Structures are given as C-alpha cells and as structure tokens.
Protein backbone atom coordinates (compact mmCIF):
# COMPACT_ATOMS: atom_id res chain seq x y z
CA MET A 1 58.73 6.68 10.71
CA LYS A 2 60.85 9.51 12.16
CA LEU A 3 57.68 11.46 12.75
CA LEU A 4 56.22 8.63 14.82
CA GLN A 5 59.42 8.25 16.80
CA SER A 6 59.50 11.94 17.57
CA MET A 7 55.90 11.88 18.85
CA THR A 8 55.10 11.25 22.49
CA MET A 9 52.97 8.31 23.64
CA ARG A 10 49.98 10.59 24.11
CA GLN A 11 50.29 11.92 20.57
CA ARG A 12 50.58 8.40 19.16
CA ILE A 13 47.41 7.31 20.97
CA THR A 14 45.60 10.39 19.69
CA LEU A 15 46.72 9.70 16.11
CA ALA A 16 45.67 6.04 16.30
CA ALA A 17 42.26 7.00 17.71
CA SER A 18 41.80 9.54 14.89
CA VAL A 19 42.59 6.94 12.23
CA VAL A 20 40.15 4.47 13.79
CA GLY A 21 37.49 7.19 13.95
CA VAL A 22 38.01 8.05 10.29
CA LEU A 23 37.65 4.41 9.29
CA ILE A 24 34.47 4.02 11.35
CA VAL A 25 32.90 7.15 9.85
CA ALA A 26 33.86 6.05 6.33
CA PHE A 27 32.31 2.64 6.94
CA LEU A 28 29.09 4.19 8.25
CA LEU A 29 28.90 6.57 5.30
CA LEU A 30 29.44 3.73 2.84
CA ARG A 31 26.80 1.62 4.56
CA MET A 32 24.30 4.47 4.49
CA ALA A 33 25.05 5.08 0.82
CA THR A 34 24.60 1.46 -0.23
CA ALA A 35 21.51 0.82 1.90
CA PRO A 36 18.24 1.14 -0.10
CA SER A 37 16.12 4.15 0.72
CA TYR A 38 12.36 3.50 0.85
CA SER A 39 9.57 5.98 0.27
CA LEU A 40 6.06 5.53 1.68
CA ILE A 41 3.43 5.42 -1.07
CA ALA A 42 0.38 4.14 0.81
CA SER A 43 -0.77 4.01 4.41
CA GLY A 44 -3.89 2.93 6.25
CA LEU A 45 -4.43 0.03 3.85
CA ASP A 46 -6.76 -2.89 4.29
CA PRO A 47 -4.63 -6.05 4.77
CA ALA A 48 -6.68 -7.81 2.09
CA LYS A 49 -5.79 -5.05 -0.36
CA THR A 50 -2.13 -5.09 0.68
CA GLY A 51 -1.76 -8.65 -0.63
CA LYS A 52 -3.01 -7.62 -4.07
CA MET A 53 -0.63 -4.66 -4.15
CA THR A 54 2.41 -6.73 -3.19
CA ALA A 55 1.50 -9.32 -5.84
CA ALA A 56 1.36 -6.55 -8.48
CA LEU A 57 4.77 -5.25 -7.36
CA ASP A 58 6.26 -8.75 -7.39
CA ALA A 59 5.05 -9.22 -10.95
CA GLN A 60 7.04 -6.14 -12.02
CA GLY A 61 10.11 -6.97 -9.89
CA ILE A 62 9.81 -3.87 -7.68
CA SER A 63 11.34 -3.97 -4.18
CA TYR A 64 8.96 -3.00 -1.38
CA GLU A 65 8.75 -2.93 2.41
CA LEU A 66 5.69 -3.49 4.62
CA ARG A 67 5.23 -1.26 7.65
CA ASN A 68 2.74 -0.78 10.48
CA ASN A 69 1.75 -4.46 10.59
CA GLY A 70 0.98 -4.61 6.87
CA THR A 71 -1.17 -1.45 6.67
CA ALA A 72 1.55 0.71 5.05
CA LEU A 73 3.58 0.08 1.90
CA ALA A 74 6.93 1.63 0.98
CA VAL A 75 9.04 1.12 -2.16
CA GLU A 76 12.55 2.17 -3.15
CA LYS A 77 12.70 5.87 -3.99
CA ASN A 78 14.12 5.30 -7.45
CA GLN A 79 11.21 2.93 -8.24
CA THR A 80 8.35 5.08 -6.95
CA ALA A 81 7.09 6.02 -10.41
CA GLN A 82 7.27 2.41 -11.62
CA ALA A 83 5.34 1.25 -8.55
CA GLN A 84 2.58 3.80 -9.14
CA ILE A 85 2.26 2.69 -12.76
CA ALA A 86 2.23 -1.01 -11.83
CA LEU A 87 -0.51 -0.48 -9.24
CA ALA A 88 -2.54 1.61 -11.68
CA ASP A 89 -2.25 -1.11 -14.35
CA ALA A 90 -3.49 -3.65 -11.80
CA GLY A 91 -6.47 -1.42 -10.97
CA LEU A 92 -5.31 -0.75 -7.40
CA SER A 93 -5.43 2.58 -5.61
CA THR A 94 -2.82 3.74 -3.11
CA ALA A 95 -5.45 5.57 -1.11
CA GLY A 96 -5.97 3.97 2.29
CA LYS A 97 -9.28 2.95 3.72
CA GLY A 98 -9.18 5.85 6.14
CA GLU A 99 -12.09 6.59 8.41
CA ASP A 100 -15.68 5.78 7.71
CA GLY A 101 -17.45 8.49 5.73
CA LEU A 102 -20.41 8.50 8.12
CA ASP A 103 -18.07 9.65 10.91
CA LYS A 104 -18.60 13.17 9.56
CA VAL A 105 -22.08 13.11 11.06
CA GLY A 106 -20.64 12.53 14.50
CA ASP A 107 -18.28 15.49 14.07
CA LEU A 108 -21.16 17.95 13.92
CA LYS A 109 -21.23 20.46 16.75
CA MET A 110 -24.17 21.01 19.00
CA GLY A 111 -26.69 23.39 17.49
CA ALA A 112 -26.13 22.40 13.86
CA SER A 113 -29.10 23.15 11.62
CA THR A 114 -31.16 20.54 9.83
CA PHE A 115 -29.63 21.58 6.52
CA GLN A 116 -26.11 21.09 7.87
CA GLN A 117 -27.04 17.67 9.20
CA LYS A 118 -28.49 16.67 5.84
CA ILE A 119 -25.40 17.83 3.94
CA ALA A 120 -23.09 16.03 6.39
CA TYR A 121 -25.13 12.82 6.07
CA GLN A 122 -25.10 13.02 2.26
CA GLN A 123 -21.34 13.65 2.11
CA GLY A 124 -20.68 10.85 4.56
CA LEU A 125 -22.88 8.45 2.59
CA GLU A 126 -21.10 9.38 -0.64
CA ALA A 127 -17.66 8.82 0.96
CA SER A 128 -18.76 5.46 2.37
CA ILE A 129 -20.00 4.27 -1.03
CA GLU A 130 -16.80 5.46 -2.69
CA GLN A 131 -14.66 3.45 -0.28
CA THR A 132 -16.78 0.37 -0.97
CA LEU A 133 -16.54 0.72 -4.77
CA GLU A 134 -12.75 1.11 -4.64
CA ASN A 135 -12.51 -2.47 -3.34
CA VAL A 136 -13.81 -3.80 -6.70
CA ASP A 137 -11.10 -5.26 -8.93
CA GLY A 138 -10.15 -2.85 -11.70
CA VAL A 139 -11.43 0.29 -9.94
CA SER A 140 -8.64 2.67 -8.88
CA SER A 141 -10.89 5.37 -7.45
CA ALA A 142 -14.57 6.25 -7.43
CA THR A 143 -16.52 9.50 -7.12
CA VAL A 144 -20.19 9.37 -6.12
CA GLN A 145 -22.70 12.20 -6.40
CA LEU A 146 -26.11 11.65 -4.82
CA THR A 147 -29.27 13.65 -5.36
CA LEU A 148 -31.65 13.21 -2.43
CA PRO A 149 -34.90 15.18 -3.00
CA GLU A 150 -36.93 16.61 -0.16
CA ASP A 151 -39.74 14.53 1.27
CA GLN A 152 -43.16 15.48 -0.13
CA LEU A 153 -46.52 15.25 1.52
CA PHE A 154 -48.13 13.51 -1.45
CA ALA A 155 -46.54 10.43 -2.97
CA ASP A 156 -47.31 11.42 -6.55
CA GLU A 157 -45.31 14.63 -6.12
CA ALA A 158 -42.20 12.90 -4.74
CA LYS A 159 -39.13 12.71 -6.95
CA PRO A 160 -36.96 9.59 -6.89
CA PRO A 161 -33.30 9.89 -5.77
CA THR A 162 -30.55 9.52 -8.35
CA ALA A 163 -26.84 8.71 -8.27
CA ALA A 164 -23.94 9.46 -10.61
CA VAL A 165 -20.75 7.39 -10.28
CA LEU A 166 -17.42 8.13 -11.95
CA ILE A 167 -14.80 5.39 -11.76
CA THR A 168 -11.15 5.54 -12.80
CA GLY A 169 -9.01 2.60 -13.75
CA ASP A 170 -8.90 0.10 -16.56
CA SER A 171 -12.57 -0.19 -17.43
CA ALA A 172 -11.75 -2.72 -20.18
CA VAL A 173 -10.88 -5.36 -17.56
CA ILE A 174 -13.96 -4.73 -15.42
CA ASP A 175 -16.37 -7.58 -15.87
CA HIS A 176 -19.89 -6.85 -17.10
CA ALA A 177 -21.36 -8.51 -14.05
CA ALA A 178 -19.16 -6.33 -11.84
CA VAL A 179 -20.63 -3.16 -13.35
CA ARG A 180 -24.13 -4.47 -12.77
CA GLY A 181 -23.15 -5.40 -9.23
CA MET A 182 -21.80 -1.89 -8.57
CA ALA A 183 -25.05 -0.35 -9.79
CA HIS A 184 -27.15 -2.52 -7.47
CA LEU A 185 -24.69 -1.90 -4.62
CA VAL A 186 -25.19 1.87 -4.94
CA ALA A 187 -28.95 1.45 -5.28
CA ASN A 188 -29.22 -0.68 -2.15
CA SER A 189 -27.07 1.77 -0.18
CA VAL A 190 -29.52 4.66 -0.58
CA GLU A 191 -33.13 4.51 0.57
CA GLY A 192 -35.58 4.67 -2.33
CA LEU A 193 -32.89 4.53 -5.03
CA LYS A 194 -33.44 2.13 -7.93
CA ALA A 195 -30.76 0.57 -10.12
CA GLU A 196 -32.15 2.19 -13.27
CA ASN A 197 -31.59 5.62 -11.68
CA VAL A 198 -27.86 4.96 -11.21
CA THR A 199 -25.41 6.17 -13.88
CA ILE A 200 -21.86 4.77 -14.03
CA THR A 201 -19.23 6.23 -16.38
CA ASP A 202 -15.47 5.78 -16.72
CA GLN A 203 -12.72 8.41 -16.97
CA SER A 204 -13.14 8.62 -20.75
CA GLY A 205 -16.83 9.55 -20.41
CA ARG A 206 -18.08 6.22 -21.76
CA MET A 207 -21.27 5.10 -20.07
CA LEU A 208 -21.02 1.69 -18.45
CA TRP A 209 -24.44 1.63 -16.80
CA PRO A 210 -27.19 1.56 -17.98
CA SER A 211 -26.33 0.47 -21.52
CA GLY A 212 -27.14 -2.44 -23.81
CA GLU A 213 -30.28 -4.51 -24.08
CA ASP A 214 -29.66 -6.35 -20.84
CA GLY A 215 -28.69 -3.24 -18.92
CA GLY A 216 -25.05 -4.17 -19.00
CA VAL A 217 -22.15 -3.26 -21.23
CA THR A 218 -22.54 -5.89 -23.92
CA GLY A 219 -24.19 -3.57 -26.37
CA SER A 220 -21.63 -0.77 -25.86
CA MET A 221 -18.38 -2.73 -26.18
CA THR A 222 -16.86 -2.44 -29.62
CA LYS A 223 -14.76 -5.04 -31.37
CA VAL A 224 -11.55 -3.10 -30.75
CA GLN A 225 -12.28 -2.73 -27.03
CA ALA A 226 -13.08 -6.41 -26.65
CA GLU A 227 -9.90 -7.44 -28.47
CA THR A 228 -7.82 -4.99 -26.40
CA ARG A 229 -9.30 -6.33 -23.18
CA TYR A 230 -8.64 -9.95 -24.13
CA ALA A 231 -5.08 -9.22 -25.29
CA ALA A 232 -4.27 -7.19 -22.14
CA ALA A 233 -5.45 -10.00 -19.86
CA LYS A 234 -3.39 -12.58 -21.73
CA GLU A 235 -0.31 -10.35 -21.80
CA ALA A 236 -0.51 -9.70 -18.05
CA GLU A 237 -0.65 -13.43 -17.29
CA ILE A 238 2.25 -14.37 -19.57
CA ASN A 239 4.44 -11.39 -18.57
CA ALA A 240 3.94 -12.25 -14.90
CA MET A 241 5.08 -15.79 -15.66
CA LEU A 242 8.17 -14.49 -17.48
CA VAL A 243 9.10 -12.15 -14.62
CA ARG A 244 8.89 -14.97 -12.07
CA THR A 245 10.97 -17.20 -14.35
CA LEU A 246 13.65 -14.89 -15.78
CA GLY A 247 13.42 -11.79 -13.62
CA PRO A 248 12.45 -8.23 -14.59
CA ASP A 249 13.42 -6.71 -17.96
CA LYS A 250 14.33 -10.07 -19.52
CA ALA A 251 11.35 -10.89 -21.76
CA GLN A 252 8.18 -9.22 -23.00
CA VAL A 253 5.06 -10.51 -24.77
CA ARG A 254 2.64 -8.66 -27.05
CA ILE A 255 -0.58 -10.22 -28.34
CA ASN A 256 -2.85 -9.18 -31.19
CA ALA A 257 -6.21 -10.95 -30.99
CA ASP A 258 -8.95 -11.23 -33.60
CA LEU A 259 -12.32 -12.00 -31.98
CA ASN A 260 -15.68 -12.82 -33.47
CA LEU A 261 -18.35 -10.79 -31.70
CA ASP A 262 -21.25 -12.01 -33.85
CA GLU A 263 -23.97 -13.63 -31.80
CA THR A 264 -25.29 -16.69 -33.72
CA THR A 265 -27.75 -19.52 -33.20
CA VAL A 266 -26.87 -23.06 -34.32
CA GLU A 267 -29.59 -25.68 -35.01
CA GLU A 268 -28.67 -29.35 -35.29
CA LEU A 269 -31.01 -32.21 -36.41
CA ARG A 270 -30.15 -35.86 -35.73
CA TYR A 271 -32.12 -39.07 -36.54
CA ALA A 272 -31.93 -42.36 -34.69
CA ARG A 273 -30.12 -45.21 -36.40
CA ARG A 274 -32.92 -47.77 -35.88
CA GLY A 275 -36.63 -47.14 -36.45
CA ASN A 276 -39.78 -48.61 -34.94
CA PRO A 277 -42.48 -50.19 -37.32
CA VAL A 278 -45.84 -48.53 -36.82
CA GLU A 279 -47.84 -49.63 -39.98
CA GLU A 280 -47.73 -52.71 -42.32
CA THR A 281 -49.89 -53.21 -45.53
CA THR A 282 -50.17 -56.39 -47.71
CA GLU A 283 -51.66 -56.35 -51.31
CA THR A 284 -52.60 -59.61 -53.18
CA GLU A 285 -53.43 -59.78 -56.96
CA GLN A 286 -54.79 -62.98 -58.67
CA LEU A 287 -55.96 -63.57 -62.31
CA GLU A 288 -57.55 -66.76 -63.84
CA GLY A 289 -58.82 -67.28 -67.49
CA THR A 290 -59.01 -69.48 -70.74
CA GLY A 291 -57.35 -68.48 -74.03
CA GLY A 292 -58.72 -69.25 -77.65
CA GLY A 293 -57.47 -68.91 -81.30
CA GLY A 294 -60.75 -68.65 -83.26
CA ASN A 295 -60.30 -65.08 -84.32
CA GLU A 296 -57.13 -63.60 -85.55
CA ALA A 297 -55.99 -60.89 -83.32
CA ALA A 298 -53.06 -58.70 -83.08
CA GLY A 299 -50.12 -60.34 -81.47
CA THR A 300 -47.20 -62.66 -82.00
CA GLU A 301 -49.33 -65.50 -83.29
CA THR A 302 -50.55 -63.59 -86.36
CA ASN A 303 -47.49 -61.50 -87.04
CA VAL A 304 -44.71 -64.10 -86.67
CA PRO A 305 -44.78 -66.84 -89.38
CA GLY A 306 -44.66 -70.39 -88.07
CA TYR A 307 -45.27 -69.34 -84.47
CA ALA A 308 -48.45 -71.41 -84.26
CA GLU A 309 -46.74 -74.58 -85.55
CA ARG A 310 -44.07 -74.27 -82.82
CA GLY A 311 -46.74 -74.32 -80.18
CA GLY A 312 -46.21 -70.68 -79.17
CA ALA A 313 -49.93 -69.99 -79.06
CA GLY A 314 -53.09 -71.83 -78.80
CA GLY A 315 -56.04 -72.28 -76.54
CA GLY A 316 -55.55 -73.11 -72.83
CA GLU A 317 -56.05 -71.92 -69.21
CA SER A 318 -53.97 -69.15 -67.45
CA ASN A 319 -53.41 -68.51 -63.64
CA TYR A 320 -51.69 -65.21 -62.34
CA GLN A 321 -51.09 -64.37 -58.65
CA SER A 322 -49.03 -61.46 -57.02
CA GLU A 323 -48.59 -60.42 -53.37
CA LYS A 324 -46.97 -57.13 -52.14
CA THR A 325 -46.22 -56.12 -48.55
CA SER A 326 -45.32 -52.51 -47.46
CA ARG A 327 -44.10 -51.60 -43.98
CA LYS A 328 -43.81 -48.05 -42.52
CA ASN A 329 -41.08 -47.37 -39.89
CA VAL A 330 -40.76 -44.27 -37.69
CA TYR A 331 -37.25 -42.97 -36.80
CA GLY A 332 -36.66 -40.77 -33.76
CA LYS A 333 -35.06 -37.32 -34.32
CA THR A 334 -33.35 -34.80 -32.05
CA VAL A 335 -33.37 -31.05 -32.77
CA THR A 336 -30.72 -29.02 -30.86
CA ARG A 337 -30.79 -25.23 -30.88
CA ARG A 338 -27.60 -23.68 -29.47
CA LYS A 339 -26.91 -19.95 -28.98
CA VAL A 340 -23.25 -19.10 -29.50
CA ALA A 341 -22.08 -16.19 -27.34
CA PRO A 342 -19.81 -13.55 -28.95
CA GLY A 343 -16.10 -13.55 -28.21
CA ASP A 344 -14.80 -16.58 -30.07
CA VAL A 345 -11.10 -16.33 -30.91
CA GLU A 346 -10.51 -16.50 -34.64
CA ARG A 347 -6.79 -15.73 -34.75
CA LEU A 348 -3.90 -14.93 -32.39
CA ASP A 349 -0.64 -13.22 -33.32
CA VAL A 350 1.90 -13.41 -30.47
CA ALA A 351 5.29 -11.68 -30.38
CA LEU A 352 7.89 -12.75 -27.80
CA LEU A 353 10.93 -10.52 -27.23
CA VAL A 354 13.79 -11.99 -25.20
CA ASP A 355 16.96 -10.24 -24.03
CA ARG A 356 20.27 -11.48 -25.41
CA SER A 357 21.47 -12.28 -21.91
CA VAL A 358 19.06 -15.24 -21.84
CA PRO A 359 20.69 -18.48 -23.12
CA ARG A 360 19.40 -19.87 -26.39
CA ALA A 361 18.47 -23.17 -24.77
CA GLU A 362 16.04 -21.33 -22.49
CA VAL A 363 14.59 -19.39 -25.43
CA ALA A 364 13.38 -22.62 -27.03
CA GLN A 365 11.72 -23.65 -23.78
CA LEU A 366 10.12 -20.22 -23.46
CA ARG A 367 8.70 -20.55 -26.95
CA THR A 368 6.92 -23.76 -26.01
CA ALA A 369 5.67 -22.35 -22.71
CA VAL A 370 4.35 -19.13 -24.23
CA ALA A 371 2.62 -21.01 -27.07
CA SER A 372 0.83 -23.19 -24.56
CA ALA A 373 -0.08 -20.30 -22.24
CA ALA A 374 -1.44 -18.14 -25.07
CA GLY A 375 -3.42 -21.00 -26.62
CA ILE A 376 -1.71 -21.06 -30.03
CA GLN A 377 -3.49 -23.30 -32.56
CA ALA A 378 -1.71 -23.81 -35.86
CA ASP A 379 -4.81 -25.09 -37.68
CA ARG A 380 -6.55 -21.82 -36.82
CA GLY A 381 -3.78 -19.76 -38.42
CA ASP A 382 -2.19 -18.50 -35.18
CA THR A 383 1.41 -17.27 -35.30
CA LEU A 384 4.18 -16.99 -32.69
CA ALA A 385 7.25 -14.86 -33.49
CA VAL A 386 10.26 -15.08 -31.16
CA SER A 387 13.05 -12.49 -31.37
CA GLN A 388 16.15 -12.18 -29.23
CA VAL A 389 17.39 -8.59 -29.00
CA THR A 390 19.33 -6.42 -26.57
CA PHE A 391 17.00 -4.63 -24.19
CA ALA A 392 17.61 -0.95 -23.51
CA LYS A 393 18.72 -0.21 -19.97
CA PRO A 394 16.40 2.09 -18.02
CA GLU A 395 17.70 5.61 -17.62
CA ALA A 396 18.65 6.69 -14.15
CA THR A 397 15.93 8.93 -12.77
CA THR A 398 16.81 11.89 -10.56
CA THR A 399 15.12 11.38 -7.23
CA ASP A 400 15.47 12.84 -3.77
CA GLU A 401 17.90 10.47 -2.14
CA GLY A 402 18.77 12.59 0.87
CA PRO A 403 22.36 13.74 1.57
CA LEU A 404 23.99 10.83 -0.22
CA GLY A 405 22.29 11.29 -3.59
CA ASP A 406 22.16 8.59 -6.22
CA GLY A 407 25.22 9.32 -8.36
CA GLY A 408 27.14 6.12 -7.80
CA ILE A 409 30.49 5.53 -6.15
CA LEU A 410 31.73 9.07 -6.93
CA ASP A 411 29.10 10.60 -4.67
CA TYR A 412 29.94 8.12 -1.95
CA ALA A 413 33.65 8.96 -2.22
CA LYS A 414 32.91 12.67 -2.17
CA TYR A 415 31.02 12.51 1.11
CA ALA A 416 33.59 10.10 2.58
CA LEU A 417 36.38 12.57 1.79
CA LEU A 418 34.31 15.38 3.26
CA GLY A 419 33.91 13.47 6.51
CA LEU A 420 37.63 12.64 6.54
CA ALA A 421 38.53 16.30 6.05
CA CYS A 422 36.30 17.29 8.97
CA LEU A 423 37.99 14.75 11.22
CA ILE A 424 41.48 15.95 10.19
CA PHE A 425 40.48 19.56 10.85
CA LEU A 426 39.19 18.68 14.32
CA PHE A 427 42.36 16.72 15.03
CA PHE A 428 44.68 19.66 14.26
CA ILE A 429 42.47 22.11 16.18
CA ALA A 430 42.57 19.87 19.26
CA ARG A 431 46.33 19.44 18.88
CA TYR A 432 46.86 23.21 18.66
CA LEU A 433 44.74 23.84 21.76
CA ARG A 434 46.66 21.22 23.74
CA ARG A 435 49.95 22.90 22.77
CA ARG A 436 48.65 26.26 23.94
CA GLU A 437 47.63 24.71 27.25
CA ASP A 438 51.16 23.41 27.85
CA GLU A 439 52.85 26.62 26.69
CA VAL A 440 54.58 28.67 29.46
CA LEU A 441 53.76 32.37 29.18
CA ALA A 442 56.40 35.01 29.93
CA ASP A 443 55.96 36.86 33.18
CA PRO A 444 55.03 40.49 32.42
CA ALA A 445 57.07 42.16 35.15
CA TRP A 446 55.87 45.58 34.22
CA LEU A 447 52.36 44.73 35.45
CA ARG A 448 53.67 44.44 38.99
CA GLN A 449 54.90 48.01 38.83
CA LEU A 450 51.40 49.44 38.60
CA GLU A 451 50.53 51.22 41.83
CA ALA A 452 47.42 53.08 40.68
CA PRO A 453 44.71 52.68 38.04
CA MET A 454 45.72 53.69 34.52
CA PRO A 455 43.72 54.20 31.31
CA ILE A 456 43.78 51.39 28.76
CA ALA A 457 45.02 53.76 26.08
CA GLN A 458 48.10 54.44 28.18
CA LEU A 459 48.70 50.74 28.85
CA GLU A 460 48.71 49.99 25.09
CA HIS A 461 51.91 52.03 24.75
CA VAL A 462 53.70 50.22 27.56
CA ASP A 463 56.92 48.50 26.44
CA GLU A 464 58.18 45.62 28.53
CA ASP A 465 61.82 46.51 27.90
CA GLU A 466 61.40 50.20 28.49
CA PRO A 467 58.69 50.79 31.09
CA LEU A 468 57.21 54.19 31.66
CA PRO A 469 59.17 56.51 33.91
CA SER A 470 56.19 56.96 36.18
CA LEU A 471 56.13 53.24 36.80
CA VAL A 472 59.76 53.06 37.73
CA ALA A 473 59.80 56.11 39.95
CA ALA A 474 56.84 55.14 42.04
CA ARG A 475 58.13 52.74 44.73
CA ASN A 476 55.96 51.56 47.61
CA THR A 477 58.08 50.73 50.64
CA ARG A 478 55.28 49.04 52.59
CA ARG A 479 54.51 46.76 49.68
CA MET A 480 58.12 45.75 49.38
CA GLN A 481 58.16 44.81 53.03
CA ILE A 482 55.04 42.70 52.72
CA GLU A 483 56.50 40.88 49.72
CA GLU A 484 59.62 40.05 51.69
CA VAL A 485 57.57 38.64 54.59
CA VAL A 486 55.50 36.56 52.19
CA GLN A 487 58.59 35.10 50.59
CA LYS A 488 60.15 34.25 53.98
CA GLU A 489 57.08 32.84 55.79
CA PRO A 490 54.44 31.88 53.17
CA GLU A 491 52.69 29.34 55.40
CA ARG A 492 52.19 31.80 58.21
CA ILE A 493 50.79 34.43 55.88
CA ALA A 494 48.43 31.83 54.28
CA THR A 495 47.14 30.79 57.75
CA ALA A 496 46.51 34.41 58.67
CA LEU A 497 44.64 35.08 55.44
CA ARG A 498 42.55 31.93 55.89
CA THR A 499 41.62 33.06 59.43
CA TRP A 500 40.58 36.51 58.20
CA MET A 501 38.41 34.99 55.45
CA ASN A 502 36.60 32.66 57.91
CA GLU A 503 35.74 35.49 60.29
CA PRO A 504 32.13 36.78 60.03
C-alpha cells in the first residue's frame, strides 16, 4: 500500500496497464492451449467420398473438421493414427482424386517422340484406371500395370493386351460381384483387352480374379476366410451401434461364427390330397347246380354220424353269385429341386464387453439389443456372454502439438509464467529508461576549458576536480567577451545568427 502511495499517477497507470496486459496474455495462452489442434490428413477429396470418411470417423468417435468446401479433411493431432486406422478398416483411402491421369499426355512438349507419347498415354491410362478402382468399397488403393503390344500387320501375329491389378484393403469384405465388376471395368477401359486377360490380386498375393469355376472368388475362399468376413461385418455394425449409443471406448463386441460352406441340392416330393378316377373295372361271378347223395363221398355227410338225419345234407339245387368293382385313381405330385447356396450359419458365439462406468440397467438393455442385432437363436445353440469390466485408458501419445505441447496444465502454466516473466522484464526496462530520461546530468565544466583539439588518450586522464594545468592557463579573452555579450543580450545575438544563416 505504501508503495502505491509513493508512486506517481503516471507510474500507477503504467502498473495497471502492465497487470491488464499480463492477464490478457495469460488468457490468450490458456485459450490457445485448450483449443484443439487439427492436422490435415486428406485433401482434394471427392465430396461423395468425404461422406463415407466422416461416417467412419463418427463410428469411432474421432473429432474431425471439414475444410475447402468439404474437399479436405482434418482431425485432431493426437487422434491422427486412430483416424488412419479407422479409414483403413473401412476400406477408404486418404489419397485425393487429384488430376486426371490422361492429363499427362497434354503435358508433353512439342517434338516428343512416338515412344514418349505412347509411354505417357499408357501411364495416364493406368493412373485413370487406378483412380476409378479406388472408388470401389473396400479398396484402399490400386496399382495397375498394362501391357500394350505393338500393332502387327497380320492379325494372327498380334498379341492381346494384358493387365495386372494389385489392390490393397480388406479383401475379405469385397463382394464377389465387385471383383468381377472391377475385372470387366479394366477390360472395357483398354482397347482389345478381354476380362480373362485381367489378373487381380490383393496385398497378400492371393488371386481374386480369375479364380473359381464361375470366374469369381467362390472357389478360392476358404472356410476360415468366409467366417472371418461374416464376423467382421457383424462386429462393425454392432460396434457402430454401441458407439452411437454409449460413446467411444464404452463397449466392444466380438463374434465367432461357424458357417456351413457345403453346397447341397434338396429334392422334395409332394402328392395331392384328392385324386381323380381314371379307370373302373367290375367283375361278376355266378354259379348254379343240383346236389345228390347216391354215392358216398368225402365230406361232412359221411364223416359226421347223424348229420344226414339232421338234414345237413341231401339232394337239392344251389345258386352262387358274386360281383366285384375296382376303381383306379390318379393323384397329382409335385417334385421340387432346390439348390442351397453355401454360407448358412450353424452357430454364433458372441462376447459383449461393457465398461464399468455403464449402469447395470443399461447393460441388460444392451444384452437384448445385441442379441437381436447379431441374430442369436437359442435353438441353434448360439451363445451370448456379457461381461462388465474396467476398460484400460488409452496411453497419451507424443505428438507435435506446436509450442504449447500436450503435457496438461503444467505445460500451460509453464508457458504462462514465461510470458509473465517477459512482460515484467519489459516493464522494468521501460521504467529504467524513463528514469534515465528524467535524470539531470552534471555539467562538465572542464569541457568548456578546451581551446584546441586534444587526443582522446589525454582526455581519459582528465579529472573534473583537478583539471590539467594547460587547460587552466590557456585563457581566451575574446571568447570571454563574447560570452558576456551573449549573456547580456541573448535575443540580439540569436537574431544576428539567424540572419547570417539565412544569407546565401
């Protein structure tokens, strides 16, 4: 308080302005430190592709920023690696569409040879096909090598052109029809090229085209690859749903699928319930005759005593008649032959991991939602295991964050103190200079005693209290008179000097 009272008004205003400046600089430094820093990962993008990339980043909870009217994409610097991985998992490339490959032909200088023109055309055609293939879902990048033979005079000596395509990405999620479509796309892009002369392989060296009986990938896909592809697709759908519901790093799903890849044929025979009569036959049998007892014959009459007296046998007439009718009906039948495609799900084992920060009431709801989304069927033997554990926090990655770094509040405080120290240093320097400006210097009287030039070495030994004898002895009478006139009539002398200076 005493210090403030002892300061002048000008010093108080200066101190207040310095404090306000320090606070403003500290606020700006804190704002710069807390503001997210974005790094550009893709530019020159097709707007249609930008939507797919932002959807993939949203599914992983990664912050992004669109620039240049949606043709450039930037993410936070500490999430650059995660963004690259998320886009690669979604089969998206960060390479922009750039210029058309055939523009290389227009860049040729005048006087280029035929060979140079051919090479430029081939390279431009390859680049154009590569850009087209990269727009297919699941393809991160594509490399095309064309072989265009020279034209021959005779058709039987001409060699057909060929093409080799190498694609990178998740080939397990690329549809079989998409591979066939890429092969025909390349074939139709080159004159004289046929689809059977196109070879498509993935980054692992596995041939995707041509392969299999139908020219696709059915014959080359193993059971493990098919199960991995099915499980990955299901996991991506359910994990995206969990991220939108709970946020990132809250729940995770893993699926183990058992598929039946046997191709079978089922035949089914069915008969109609009611038939139609097509044939009817009637048989009639009739017998007439007279019996007699003259001769003993084998039978009841001769073998059973007293049978004749009871009237059981004797002579008389007999009449026998029988009629039978048979009808034949025809029933309609239906024979169904059905070919069952491979890929039937035989069993699903689903594991759901939930962070402990999620309430238990929501875990029960998630169990029901995941079971429905995965297609769990208890009668088929499917299982769903739900576990609630504590998720590990991601380690802080060291990235280039500019002058502020990414070390937390300590780094922010360090740079704030550095700025404050600079302001305090400038304040004391300015204060010292102002004091020197107001300081009254002592009048060196001994300088007025110099009547002639003297060496600097001699002046260094001059003492103000004890001037040199030569300086004291040398007295100029005319100078003393002029000084007296100047002191008595300064205005007159100034007017005279001004007149002399204005004269030509």
